[in-house]
Amino acid sequence: MELSQAHLRYLLAIGQLSQGKAAVSSAQVARALQVSRPSVTRMLTVLAEKNLVTKARYGKITLTETGAALAHQLQAGLRDLERRLLALGLDLDLEETAAVAGALASALPEHCFRKLCTTGSGGAMGSTKP
């Protein structure tokens, strides 16, 4: 399944927002990504077509099993990137490290970020077919 950096950004945001919750709202996603609600609606349509999210009435968004697994891999890749940044000794605090890792992950070509996002068994991100 081919995913763009924008798809990955949205999945990561939805995954982070949905920690411990059954669903998130499109308004929450829009705030987290600093995009408009119509942009979120358009992207959710694409992600739903890829079987990564479901959208219920009134904008409640949940990750599918495939979407949740992929979001988990994205989060693991981001944490790995944060650890690598900390190891460089750049004197960044944890908040700064998270911000730099997020910016770098967004700027990396997809194939590079995919290399960071591996499961414990060594499978590449997105290797699970829907």
N, C-alpha and C. Protein backbone atom coordinates (compact mmCIF):
# COMPACT_ATOMS: atom_id res chain seq x y z
N MET A 1 0.86 -1.18 0.00
CA MET A 1 0.00 0.00 0.00
C MET A 1 0.90 1.23 0.00
N GLU A 2 0.70 2.09 -0.97
CA GLU A 2 1.48 3.31 -1.06
C GLU A 2 0.87 4.40 -0.19
N LEU A 3 1.71 5.00 0.63
CA LEU A 3 1.27 6.08 1.51
C LEU A 3 2.20 7.27 1.35
N SER A 4 1.62 8.45 1.26
CA SER A 4 2.41 9.67 1.16
C SER A 4 2.82 10.13 2.55
N GLN A 5 3.71 11.11 2.60
CA GLN A 5 4.09 11.69 3.89
C GLN A 5 2.87 12.28 4.58
N ALA A 6 1.95 12.85 3.83
CA ALA A 6 0.74 13.42 4.44
C ALA A 6 -0.09 12.31 5.07
N HIS A 7 -0.23 11.18 4.40
CA HIS A 7 -0.97 10.06 4.98
C HIS A 7 -0.33 9.64 6.30
N LEU A 8 0.99 9.52 6.29
CA LEU A 8 1.72 9.10 7.48
C LEU A 8 1.55 10.11 8.62
N ARG A 9 1.61 11.39 8.28
CA ARG A 9 1.43 12.44 9.29
C ARG A 9 0.06 12.33 9.95
N TYR A 10 -0.97 12.15 9.15
CA TYR A 10 -2.33 12.04 9.69
C TYR A 10 -2.47 10.79 10.55
N LEU A 11 -1.95 9.67 10.07
CA LEU A 11 -2.04 8.44 10.86
C LEU A 11 -1.32 8.58 12.19
N LEU A 12 -0.16 9.19 12.17
CA LEU A 12 0.59 9.40 13.40
C LEU A 12 -0.19 10.28 14.36
N ALA A 13 -0.75 11.36 13.85
CA ALA A 13 -1.52 12.27 14.70
C ALA A 13 -2.75 11.58 15.28
N ILE A 14 -3.47 10.85 14.46
CA ILE A 14 -4.67 10.15 14.94
C ILE A 14 -4.27 9.11 15.98
N GLY A 15 -3.18 8.39 15.72
CA GLY A 15 -2.69 7.40 16.68
C GLY A 15 -2.32 8.03 18.01
N GLN A 16 -1.63 9.16 17.97
CA GLN A 16 -1.24 9.83 19.21
C GLN A 16 -2.45 10.38 19.95
N LEU A 17 -3.40 10.95 19.22
CA LEU A 17 -4.59 11.51 19.85
C LEU A 17 -5.50 10.43 20.43
N SER A 18 -5.50 9.26 19.83
CA SER A 18 -6.44 8.22 20.27
C SER A 18 -5.90 7.35 21.39
N GLN A 19 -4.71 7.64 21.89
CA GLN A 19 -4.16 6.86 23.00
C GLN A 19 -5.16 6.85 24.16
N GLY A 20 -5.66 5.67 24.51
CA GLY A 20 -6.57 5.54 25.64
C GLY A 20 -8.00 5.98 25.36
N LYS A 21 -8.30 6.34 24.11
CA LYS A 21 -9.64 6.77 23.74
C LYS A 21 -10.17 5.87 22.63
N ALA A 22 -11.48 5.79 22.57
CA ALA A 22 -12.09 4.98 21.51
C ALA A 22 -12.05 5.71 20.17
N ALA A 23 -12.23 7.03 20.20
CA ALA A 23 -12.30 7.79 18.95
C ALA A 23 -11.81 9.21 19.19
N VAL A 24 -11.45 9.88 18.12
CA VAL A 24 -11.06 11.28 18.19
C VAL A 24 -11.92 12.06 17.21
N SER A 25 -11.93 13.36 17.34
CA SER A 25 -12.73 14.19 16.44
C SER A 25 -11.85 14.78 15.34
N SER A 26 -12.50 15.15 14.26
CA SER A 26 -11.75 15.78 13.17
C SER A 26 -11.21 17.13 13.62
N ALA A 27 -11.90 17.80 14.53
CA ALA A 27 -11.41 19.08 15.06
C ALA A 27 -10.11 18.88 15.83
N GLN A 28 -10.01 17.78 16.59
CA GLN A 28 -8.77 17.49 17.32
C GLN A 28 -7.62 17.26 16.35
N VAL A 29 -7.89 16.52 15.29
CA VAL A 29 -6.86 16.24 14.29
C VAL A 29 -6.43 17.54 13.61
N ALA A 30 -7.39 18.38 13.27
CA ALA A 30 -7.09 19.66 12.62
C ALA A 30 -6.20 20.52 13.52
N ARG A 31 -6.52 20.59 14.82
CA ARG A 31 -5.71 21.37 15.75
C ARG A 31 -4.30 20.78 15.87
N ALA A 32 -4.21 19.47 16.00
CA ALA A 32 -2.91 18.82 16.18
C ALA A 32 -1.99 19.04 14.98
N LEU A 33 -2.56 19.02 13.80
CA LEU A 33 -1.77 19.17 12.57
C LEU A 33 -1.74 20.60 12.04
N GLN A 34 -2.50 21.47 12.69
CA GLN A 34 -2.60 22.87 12.28
C GLN A 34 -3.02 22.98 10.81
N VAL A 35 -4.12 22.26 10.51
CA VAL A 35 -4.72 22.31 9.18
C VAL A 35 -6.21 22.61 9.35
N SER A 36 -6.87 22.88 8.25
CA SER A 36 -8.31 23.17 8.32
C SER A 36 -9.12 21.89 8.46
N ARG A 37 -10.33 22.03 8.99
CA ARG A 37 -11.20 20.87 9.11
C ARG A 37 -11.56 20.29 7.75
N PRO A 38 -11.79 21.12 6.71
CA PRO A 38 -12.03 20.53 5.39
C PRO A 38 -10.85 19.69 4.89
N SER A 39 -9.62 20.10 5.22
CA SER A 39 -8.45 19.30 4.84
C SER A 39 -8.48 17.96 5.54
N VAL A 40 -8.87 17.95 6.81
CA VAL A 40 -8.97 16.70 7.56
C VAL A 40 -10.03 15.81 6.93
N THR A 41 -11.16 16.39 6.58
CA THR A 41 -12.25 15.62 5.98
C THR A 41 -11.80 14.96 4.69
N ARG A 42 -11.10 15.71 3.84
CA ARG A 42 -10.60 15.15 2.57
C ARG A 42 -9.63 14.01 2.82
N MET A 43 -8.70 14.21 3.77
CA MET A 43 -7.72 13.16 4.04
C MET A 43 -8.37 11.93 4.67
N LEU A 44 -9.37 12.14 5.51
CA LEU A 44 -10.05 10.99 6.12
C LEU A 44 -10.74 10.14 5.08
N THR A 45 -11.25 10.77 4.04
CA THR A 45 -11.87 10.02 2.95
C THR A 45 -10.84 9.11 2.29
N VAL A 46 -9.66 9.65 2.05
CA VAL A 46 -8.59 8.87 1.44
C VAL A 46 -8.16 7.73 2.36
N LEU A 47 -7.96 8.04 3.64
CA LEU A 47 -7.53 7.02 4.60
C LEU A 47 -8.59 5.94 4.79
N ALA A 48 -9.86 6.34 4.72
CA ALA A 48 -10.94 5.35 4.83
C ALA A 48 -10.95 4.43 3.61
N GLU A 49 -10.69 5.00 2.42
CA GLU A 49 -10.62 4.18 1.21
C GLU A 49 -9.48 3.17 1.28
N LYS A 50 -8.43 3.50 2.03
CA LYS A 50 -7.29 2.61 2.21
C LYS A 50 -7.49 1.68 3.41
N ASN A 51 -8.67 1.73 3.99
CA ASN A 51 -9.02 0.88 5.15
C ASN A 51 -8.11 1.12 6.35
N LEU A 52 -7.74 2.39 6.59
CA LEU A 52 -6.89 2.72 7.72
C LEU A 52 -7.66 3.41 8.84
N VAL A 53 -8.78 4.06 8.50
CA VAL A 53 -9.63 4.70 9.51
C VAL A 53 -11.09 4.46 9.16
N THR A 54 -11.92 4.62 10.19
CA THR A 54 -13.36 4.68 9.96
C THR A 54 -13.84 6.00 10.53
N LYS A 55 -14.83 6.56 9.90
CA LYS A 55 -15.37 7.85 10.34
C LYS A 55 -16.86 7.67 10.57
N ALA A 56 -17.25 7.88 11.81
CA ALA A 56 -18.65 7.74 12.18
C ALA A 56 -19.35 9.09 12.07
N ARG A 57 -20.64 9.07 12.32
CA ARG A 57 -21.38 10.33 12.32
C ARG A 57 -20.76 11.31 13.30
N TYR A 58 -20.93 12.56 13.00
CA TYR A 58 -20.43 13.66 13.83
C TYR A 58 -18.91 13.67 13.94
N GLY A 59 -18.25 13.08 12.95
CA GLY A 59 -16.81 13.22 12.84
C GLY A 59 -15.95 12.39 13.76
N LYS A 60 -16.50 11.40 14.43
CA LYS A 60 -15.68 10.56 15.29
C LYS A 60 -14.84 9.61 14.44
N ILE A 61 -13.54 9.61 14.68
CA ILE A 61 -12.59 8.87 13.87
C ILE A 61 -11.96 7.77 14.71
N THR A 62 -11.91 6.58 14.16
CA THR A 62 -11.19 5.48 14.81
C THR A 62 -10.27 4.84 13.78
N LEU A 63 -9.18 4.31 14.27
CA LEU A 63 -8.26 3.59 13.41
C LEU A 63 -8.77 2.16 13.24
N THR A 64 -8.64 1.64 12.04
CA THR A 64 -8.93 0.23 11.82
C THR A 64 -7.78 -0.57 12.43
N GLU A 65 -7.90 -1.88 12.42
CA GLU A 65 -6.81 -2.71 12.94
C GLU A 65 -5.53 -2.45 12.16
N THR A 66 -5.64 -2.37 10.85
CA THR A 66 -4.48 -2.09 10.00
C THR A 66 -3.92 -0.70 10.29
N GLY A 67 -4.82 0.29 10.41
CA GLY A 67 -4.41 1.66 10.70
C GLY A 67 -3.74 1.78 12.05
N ALA A 68 -4.27 1.07 13.06
CA ALA A 68 -3.69 1.12 14.40
C ALA A 68 -2.30 0.50 14.40
N ALA A 69 -2.13 -0.62 13.68
CA ALA A 69 -0.82 -1.26 13.61
C ALA A 69 0.19 -0.34 12.93
N LEU A 70 -0.23 0.31 11.87
CA LEU A 70 0.65 1.22 11.15
C LEU A 70 0.99 2.44 12.00
N ALA A 71 0.00 2.99 12.69
CA ALA A 71 0.24 4.14 13.58
C ALA A 71 1.22 3.76 14.68
N HIS A 72 1.09 2.54 15.19
CA HIS A 72 2.01 2.07 16.23
C HIS A 72 3.44 2.01 15.68
N GLN A 73 3.59 1.51 14.46
CA GLN A 73 4.91 1.46 13.83
C GLN A 73 5.47 2.86 13.62
N LEU A 74 4.62 3.79 13.22
CA LEU A 74 5.06 5.17 13.03
C LEU A 74 5.54 5.77 14.34
N GLN A 75 4.80 5.52 15.42
CA GLN A 75 5.18 6.03 16.72
C GLN A 75 6.51 5.44 17.16
N ALA A 76 6.71 4.15 16.91
CA ALA A 76 7.98 3.50 17.26
C ALA A 76 9.13 4.12 16.46
N GLY A 77 8.91 4.39 15.19
CA GLY A 77 9.93 5.03 14.37
C GLY A 77 10.27 6.42 14.86
N LEU A 78 9.26 7.16 15.27
CA LEU A 78 9.48 8.51 15.80
C LEU A 78 10.25 8.45 17.11
N ARG A 79 9.91 7.50 17.98
CA ARG A 79 10.65 7.34 19.24
C ARG A 79 12.11 6.97 18.96
N ASP A 80 12.33 6.12 17.97
CA ASP A 80 13.70 5.75 17.60
C ASP A 80 14.46 6.97 17.11
N LEU A 81 13.82 7.79 16.30
CA LEU A 81 14.45 9.01 15.82
C LEU A 81 14.78 9.95 16.98
N GLU A 82 13.87 10.05 17.95
CA GLU A 82 14.13 10.87 19.13
C GLU A 82 15.35 10.35 19.89
N ARG A 83 15.44 9.02 20.08
CA ARG A 83 16.60 8.44 20.77
C ARG A 83 17.90 8.75 20.02
N ARG A 84 17.84 8.66 18.71
CA ARG A 84 19.05 8.94 17.92
C ARG A 84 19.46 10.40 18.04
N LEU A 85 18.48 11.29 18.08
CA LEU A 85 18.79 12.71 18.25
C LEU A 85 19.40 12.98 19.62
N LEU A 86 18.85 12.36 20.66
CA LEU A 86 19.40 12.53 22.01
C LEU A 86 20.84 12.03 22.07
N ALA A 87 21.14 10.94 21.37
CA ALA A 87 22.48 10.37 21.38
C ALA A 87 23.51 11.29 20.71
N LEU A 88 23.05 12.22 19.89
CA LEU A 88 23.97 13.15 19.23
C LEU A 88 24.50 14.21 20.19
N GLY A 89 23.88 14.34 21.37
CA GLY A 89 24.35 15.31 22.35
C GLY A 89 24.14 16.75 21.93
N LEU A 90 23.01 17.05 21.35
CA LEU A 90 22.74 18.40 20.85
C LEU A 90 22.21 19.35 21.92
N ASP A 91 22.16 18.90 23.16
CA ASP A 91 21.66 19.70 24.27
C ASP A 91 20.22 20.15 24.06
N LEU A 92 19.39 19.26 23.51
CA LEU A 92 17.97 19.53 23.36
C LEU A 92 17.24 18.92 24.55
N ASP A 93 16.23 19.63 25.07
CA ASP A 93 15.41 19.01 26.10
C ASP A 93 14.44 18.05 25.42
N LEU A 94 13.65 17.31 26.21
CA LEU A 94 12.77 16.29 25.63
C LEU A 94 11.73 16.89 24.69
N GLU A 95 11.19 18.05 25.05
CA GLU A 95 10.19 18.70 24.19
C GLU A 95 10.81 19.15 22.87
N GLU A 96 11.99 19.73 22.95
CA GLU A 96 12.69 20.15 21.73
C GLU A 96 13.05 18.94 20.87
N THR A 97 13.49 17.87 21.51
CA THR A 97 13.85 16.65 20.78
C THR A 97 12.63 16.11 20.04
N ALA A 98 11.49 16.07 20.70
CA ALA A 98 10.26 15.59 20.06
C ALA A 98 9.88 16.48 18.88
N ALA A 99 10.02 17.79 19.03
CA ALA A 99 9.68 18.71 17.94
C ALA A 99 10.62 18.53 16.75
N VAL A 100 11.92 18.39 17.03
CA VAL A 100 12.89 18.21 15.95
C VAL A 100 12.66 16.87 15.25
N ALA A 101 12.40 15.83 16.04
CA ALA A 101 12.14 14.51 15.44
C ALA A 101 10.91 14.56 14.54
N GLY A 102 9.86 15.22 15.00
CA GLY A 102 8.65 15.35 14.18
C GLY A 102 8.90 16.12 12.89
N ALA A 103 9.66 17.21 13.00
CA ALA A 103 9.98 18.00 11.81
C ALA A 103 10.85 17.20 10.84
N LEU A 104 11.82 16.49 11.39
CA LEU A 104 12.69 15.68 10.54
C LEU A 104 11.93 14.54 9.88
N ALA A 105 11.08 13.90 10.65
CA ALA A 105 10.28 12.80 10.09
C ALA A 105 9.39 13.30 8.96
N SER A 106 8.84 14.50 9.11
CA SER A 106 7.99 15.07 8.07
C SER A 106 8.78 15.44 6.83
N ALA A 107 10.06 15.79 7.01
CA ALA A 107 10.88 16.21 5.89
C ALA A 107 11.60 15.05 5.20
N LEU A 108 11.76 13.94 5.91
CA LEU A 108 12.45 12.79 5.32
C LEU A 108 11.66 12.22 4.15
N PRO A 109 12.34 11.78 3.12
CA PRO A 109 11.63 11.04 2.08
C PRO A 109 10.99 9.79 2.71
N GLU A 110 9.87 9.39 2.16
CA GLU A 110 9.11 8.27 2.73
C GLU A 110 9.98 7.04 2.91
N HIS A 111 10.80 6.71 1.93
CA HIS A 111 11.60 5.48 2.03
C HIS A 111 12.60 5.54 3.19
N CYS A 112 13.07 6.74 3.53
CA CYS A 112 13.99 6.88 4.67
C CYS A 112 13.25 6.70 5.99
N PHE A 113 12.08 7.34 6.11
CA PHE A 113 11.33 7.21 7.36
C PHE A 113 10.85 5.78 7.53
N ARG A 114 10.50 5.12 6.44
CA ARG A 114 10.07 3.72 6.52
C ARG A 114 11.15 2.84 7.12
N LYS A 115 12.42 3.16 6.85
CA LYS A 115 13.52 2.37 7.41
C LYS A 115 13.56 2.48 8.93
N LEU A 116 13.12 3.62 9.46
CA LEU A 116 13.08 3.79 10.91
C LEU A 116 11.91 3.04 11.53
N CYS A 117 10.87 2.84 10.76
CA CYS A 117 9.61 2.28 11.28
C CYS A 117 9.55 0.79 11.02
N THR A 118 10.19 0.04 11.87
CA THR A 118 10.17 -1.41 11.73
C THR A 118 9.56 -2.02 12.98
N THR A 119 8.98 -3.18 12.81
CA THR A 119 8.42 -3.89 13.95
C THR A 119 9.55 -4.62 14.67
N GLY A 120 9.24 -5.15 15.84
CA GLY A 120 10.23 -5.90 16.59
C GLY A 120 10.73 -7.12 15.83
N SER A 121 9.90 -7.65 14.93
CA SER A 121 10.30 -8.84 14.17
C SER A 121 11.05 -8.47 12.89
N GLY A 122 11.27 -7.16 12.67
CA GLY A 122 12.05 -6.74 11.52
C GLY A 122 11.23 -6.46 10.28
N GLY A 123 9.89 -6.55 10.37
CA GLY A 123 9.06 -6.25 9.22
C GLY A 123 8.99 -4.77 8.95
N ALA A 124 8.96 -4.39 7.71
CA ALA A 124 8.93 -2.97 7.35
C ALA A 124 7.55 -2.39 7.57
N MET A 125 7.52 -1.10 7.86
CA MET A 125 6.27 -0.38 8.05
C MET A 125 5.41 -0.53 6.80
N GLY A 126 4.15 -0.77 7.03
CA GLY A 126 3.23 -0.87 5.91
C GLY A 126 3.26 -2.21 5.21
N SER A 127 4.03 -3.17 5.75
CA SER A 127 4.12 -4.46 5.08
C SER A 127 2.88 -5.31 5.30
N THR A 128 2.06 -4.95 6.28
CA THR A 128 0.81 -5.67 6.52
C THR A 128 -0.20 -5.27 5.47
N LYS A 129 -0.69 -6.22 4.73
CA LYS A 129 -1.69 -5.92 3.70
C LYS A 129 -3.07 -5.86 4.32
N PRO A 130 -3.92 -4.90 3.89
CA PRO A 130 -5.27 -4.83 4.43
C PRO A 130 -6.10 -6.01 4.00
